[in-house]
Protein backbone atom coordinates (compact mmCIF):
# COMPACT_ATOMS: atom_id res chain seq x y z
CA MET A 1 6.10 6.93 3.85
CA LYS A 2 8.97 4.51 4.42
CA TYR A 3 10.03 6.16 7.67
CA THR A 4 6.44 6.59 8.81
CA ALA A 5 5.84 2.85 8.36
CA THR A 6 9.01 2.07 10.32
CA ILE A 7 7.95 4.32 13.19
CA ILE A 8 4.49 2.71 13.29
CA ARG A 9 6.02 -0.77 13.39
CA ILE A 10 8.42 0.15 16.18
CA LEU A 11 5.59 1.67 18.23
CA PHE A 12 3.48 -1.47 17.93
CA LEU A 13 6.51 -3.65 18.71
CA THR A 14 7.06 -1.56 21.85
CA LEU A 15 3.41 -2.00 22.78
CA PHE A 16 3.67 -5.76 22.32
CA LEU A 17 6.79 -5.98 24.51
CA PHE A 18 5.06 -3.87 27.17
CA LEU A 19 2.05 -6.19 27.22
CA LEU A 20 4.32 -9.25 27.24
CA VAL A 21 6.38 -8.03 30.19
CA ASN A 22 3.21 -7.18 32.12
CA GLY A 23 1.58 -10.54 31.38
CA LYS A 24 -1.21 -9.07 29.28
CA VAL A 25 -0.57 -10.75 25.93
CA MET A 26 -4.27 -11.66 25.72
CA LEU A 27 -4.89 -7.97 25.01
CA TRP A 28 -2.67 -8.34 21.97
CA LEU A 29 -4.79 -11.24 20.75
CA ALA A 30 -7.82 -8.98 21.15
CA LEU A 31 -6.06 -6.43 18.95
CA PHE A 32 -5.44 -9.18 16.40
CA GLY A 33 -9.15 -10.01 16.50
CA VAL A 34 -10.03 -6.39 15.73
CA SER A 35 -7.52 -6.43 12.87
CA LEU A 36 -9.38 -9.33 11.26
CA ILE A 37 -12.50 -7.20 11.02
CA ALA A 38 -10.42 -4.28 9.76
CA ALA A 39 -8.93 -6.52 7.05
CA ILE A 40 -12.31 -6.70 5.33
CA ILE A 41 -12.15 -2.94 4.80
CA PHE A 42 -8.48 -1.94 4.80
CA GLY A 43 -6.73 -5.18 3.83
CA ARG A 44 -4.00 -6.89 5.84
CA ILE A 45 -2.69 -3.81 7.63
CA TYR A 46 -1.97 -5.95 10.72
CA CYS A 47 0.62 -7.94 8.77
CA GLY A 48 2.21 -4.87 7.24
CA TYR A 49 2.40 -2.55 10.23
CA ILE A 50 1.30 -4.11 13.53
CA CYS A 51 2.65 -7.67 13.67
CA PRO A 52 5.85 -7.92 15.77
CA MET A 53 6.92 -10.94 13.73
CA ASN A 54 6.98 -8.93 10.52
CA THR A 55 8.77 -6.02 12.21
CA LEU A 56 11.62 -8.27 13.36
CA MET A 57 11.70 -10.19 10.09
CA LEU A 58 12.74 -7.02 8.26
CA PRO A 59 16.19 -6.73 9.92
CA ALA A 60 16.50 -10.54 9.81
CA GLU A 61 16.06 -10.47 6.03
CA TRP A 62 18.60 -7.65 5.72
CA LEU A 63 21.13 -9.64 7.77
CA SER A 64 20.43 -12.79 5.78
CA LYS A 65 21.21 -10.98 2.52
CA LYS A 66 24.37 -9.43 3.96
CA LEU A 67 25.66 -12.81 5.14
CA LYS A 68 24.42 -14.53 1.97
CA LEU A 69 22.39 -17.03 3.96
CA GLN A 70 19.16 -16.65 2.05
CA THR A 71 18.09 -19.25 -0.47
CA GLN A 72 15.62 -18.67 -3.28
CA SER A 73 13.92 -22.03 -2.80
CA SER A 74 11.33 -23.07 -0.22
CA PRO A 75 10.59 -26.47 1.36
CA LYS A 76 8.46 -28.49 -1.07
CA TRP A 77 6.31 -29.98 1.69
CA LEU A 78 5.04 -26.50 2.57
CA LYS A 79 3.83 -25.57 -0.89
CA ASN A 80 0.33 -27.04 -0.54
CA GLY A 81 -0.53 -24.04 1.66
CA TYR A 82 -2.30 -25.99 4.41
CA PHE A 83 0.46 -25.82 6.99
CA THR A 84 -0.63 -22.39 8.26
CA TRP A 85 -3.94 -23.91 9.38
CA ILE A 86 -2.05 -26.67 11.18
CA THR A 87 0.16 -24.18 13.03
CA LEU A 88 -2.92 -22.15 13.97
CA ILE A 89 -4.73 -25.20 15.36
CA VAL A 90 -1.64 -26.42 17.25
CA SER A 91 -1.10 -22.94 18.71
CA ALA A 92 -4.72 -22.69 19.84
CA ILE A 93 -4.62 -26.16 21.44
CA ALA A 94 -1.36 -25.32 23.25
CA MET A 95 -2.84 -22.12 24.67
CA LEU A 96 -6.08 -23.78 25.77
CA ALA A 97 -4.27 -26.77 27.30
CA SER A 98 -1.86 -24.55 29.26
CA LYS A 99 -4.78 -22.54 30.59
CA LYS A 100 -6.75 -25.60 31.65
CA LEU A 101 -3.95 -27.83 32.91
CA LEU A 102 -1.33 -25.38 34.12
CA HIS A 103 -3.62 -22.42 34.86
CA VAL A 104 -1.35 -20.05 32.95
CA ASN A 105 -1.79 -18.05 29.78
CA LEU A 106 0.86 -19.45 27.47
CA PRO A 107 2.51 -16.59 25.55
CA ILE A 108 2.60 -18.25 22.14
CA MET A 109 3.67 -15.12 20.26
CA PRO A 110 7.31 -15.06 21.49
CA PHE A 111 7.76 -18.59 20.14
CA TRP A 112 6.49 -17.61 16.71
CA ILE A 113 8.56 -14.42 16.71
CA LEU A 114 11.69 -16.50 17.27
CA ALA A 115 10.59 -18.97 14.58
CA ALA A 116 9.89 -16.12 12.13
CA VAL A 117 13.35 -14.60 12.62
CA LEU A 118 15.19 -17.93 12.31
CA ILE A 119 13.24 -19.01 9.23
CA THR A 120 13.78 -15.63 7.56
CA LEU A 121 17.52 -15.94 8.08
CA ARG A 122 17.39 -18.86 5.65
CA TYR A 123 14.35 -18.35 3.43
CA LYS A 124 12.70 -15.41 1.72
CA PRO A 125 10.08 -13.72 3.94
CA GLU A 126 7.12 -14.97 1.90
CA VAL A 127 7.91 -18.52 3.07
CA PHE A 128 6.99 -17.66 6.65
CA HIS A 129 4.30 -15.12 5.73
CA ASN A 130 2.39 -17.38 3.34
CA LEU A 131 3.26 -20.94 4.31
CA ILE A 132 3.98 -21.08 8.06
CA CYS A 133 2.58 -18.16 10.07
CA PRO A 134 -0.42 -19.38 12.13
CA PHE A 135 -2.11 -15.98 11.89
CA SER A 136 -1.74 -15.51 8.15
CA CYS A 137 -4.45 -18.00 7.20
CA LEU A 138 -7.09 -15.91 8.97
CA GLN A 139 -5.73 -12.64 7.60
CA ARG A 140 -5.54 -14.15 4.12
CA THR A 141 -9.11 -15.45 4.27
CA LEU A 142 -10.59 -12.08 5.22
CA GLY A 143 -8.08 -9.98 3.28
CA ARG A 144 -9.34 -11.36 0.00
CA PHE A 145 -12.58 -9.41 0.54
CA SER A 146 -10.84 -6.12 1.35
CA LEU A 147 -12.63 -3.04 0.14
CA LEU A 148 -9.38 -1.08 0.01
CA SER A 149 -6.14 -2.53 -1.29
CA HIS A 150 -3.14 -1.79 -3.45
CA ARG A 151 -4.11 -2.33 -7.05
CA VAL A 152 -2.43 -1.81 -10.40
CA ASN A 153 -3.45 0.62 -13.09
CA GLU A 154 -2.73 -1.62 -16.07
CA ALA A 155 -2.77 1.30 -18.47
CA ASP A 156 0.31 2.76 -16.78
CA CYS A 157 2.11 -0.49 -15.91
CA ILE A 158 5.14 -1.30 -18.08
CA GLY A 159 5.81 -4.77 -16.65
CA CYS A 160 9.26 -3.88 -15.28
CA LYS A 161 8.86 -6.36 -12.36
CA ILE A 162 10.36 -3.96 -9.82
CA CYS A 163 7.22 -4.21 -7.70
CA GLU A 164 7.39 -8.00 -7.88
CA LYS A 165 10.93 -7.97 -6.49
CA VAL A 166 10.23 -5.68 -3.52
CA CYS A 167 7.03 -7.37 -2.34
CA PRO A 168 7.71 -9.22 0.95
CA SER A 169 4.70 -11.54 0.63
CA LYS A 170 4.88 -12.40 -3.08
CA ALA A 171 1.53 -10.71 -3.59
CA ILE A 172 2.51 -9.24 -6.96
CA ALA A 173 3.11 -11.15 -10.17
CA VAL A 174 3.73 -9.88 -13.69
CA PHE A 175 2.01 -11.64 -16.57
CA ASN A 176 2.04 -10.45 -20.17
CA LYS A 177 3.99 -7.38 -19.07
CA LYS A 178 1.28 -6.30 -16.63
CA ALA A 179 1.49 -6.51 -12.83
CA SER A 180 -1.36 -7.85 -10.74
CA VAL A 181 -1.84 -7.78 -6.95
CA THR A 182 -3.28 -10.76 -5.08
CA GLU A 183 -5.23 -8.90 -2.43
CA SER A 184 -5.38 -11.82 0.01
CA LEU A 185 -1.57 -11.82 0.21
CA CYS A 186 -0.95 -8.07 0.13
CA HIS A 187 0.32 -6.58 3.42
CA GLN A 188 -0.46 -3.01 2.28
CA CYS A 189 3.14 -2.10 3.09
CA THR A 190 3.51 0.35 0.13
CA ASN A 191 6.85 -1.15 -0.99
CA CYS A 192 5.48 -1.65 -4.49
CA ARG A 193 3.96 1.80 -4.68
CA GLN A 194 7.20 3.45 -3.60
CA ALA A 195 9.27 1.44 -6.08
CA CYS A 196 7.01 1.80 -9.12
CA PRO A 197 8.70 4.10 -11.69
CA LYS A 198 5.37 4.87 -13.40
CA ASN A 199 3.17 5.50 -10.34
CA ALA A 200 0.94 2.69 -11.57
CA ILE A 201 0.04 1.26 -8.15
CA HIS A 202 -2.57 2.89 -5.93
CA TYR A 203 -4.33 2.16 -2.65
CA THR A 204 -7.91 2.21 -3.87
CA LYS A 205 -11.28 0.55 -3.42
CA LYS A 206 -11.69 -0.58 -6.98
CA ARG A 207 -9.50 -1.50 -9.87
CA ILE A 208 -8.32 1.29 -12.09
CA GLU A 209 -9.26 0.46 -15.65
CA ALA A 210 -7.48 3.31 -17.33
CA SER A 211 -5.19 6.16 -16.48
CA SER A 212 -6.60 9.62 -15.94
CA SER A 213 -4.97 10.74 -19.15
CA THR A 214 -6.80 8.02 -21.08
CA ILE A 215 -10.10 8.93 -19.45
CA ASP A 216 -9.65 12.60 -20.26
CA ALA A 217 -8.89 11.72 -23.87
């Protein structure tokens, strides 16, 4: 699954670059619009597999760890969570103004890709994903209603916190030795599912109340 996800991300990154070079970035925004509808059913698959920012943040995070640039803290002024709405509004105004005044379609995505990479070189990826990305607020709003999402079977969970450590969007937290997934933050990337030593995390449409062994008993 790990290599499949990587291939999917590279393919979508290639598609984005193709559209960018050919001046058709608006088609990418249309794809993003479709992904918002899909998020209600499948969760934030755009963030986990399609978004070029996320794809390039992965090697940026690896490099940051290698060079020991990454800090565990995040800017305090971002923690209220409203900044993503501000960046979305500013981005929309910039695009509309460039279209009306300069008669050009401003490619806003390359700017945010650069910002995502630079920020991830210093901070953990959830800082950009949850507190800065202008597209995350929309994905987060609709993702909270997702029919399908990664969820934890509490009967099998041992509270080891491995899933918590590998989650790129800080969507998993362990309380009272049981993990819980915040569906609005989950990118559906399967990192947690692959890392779980007890196979306690599943992509499902409803919470698992008990393990199959418990049910059979």
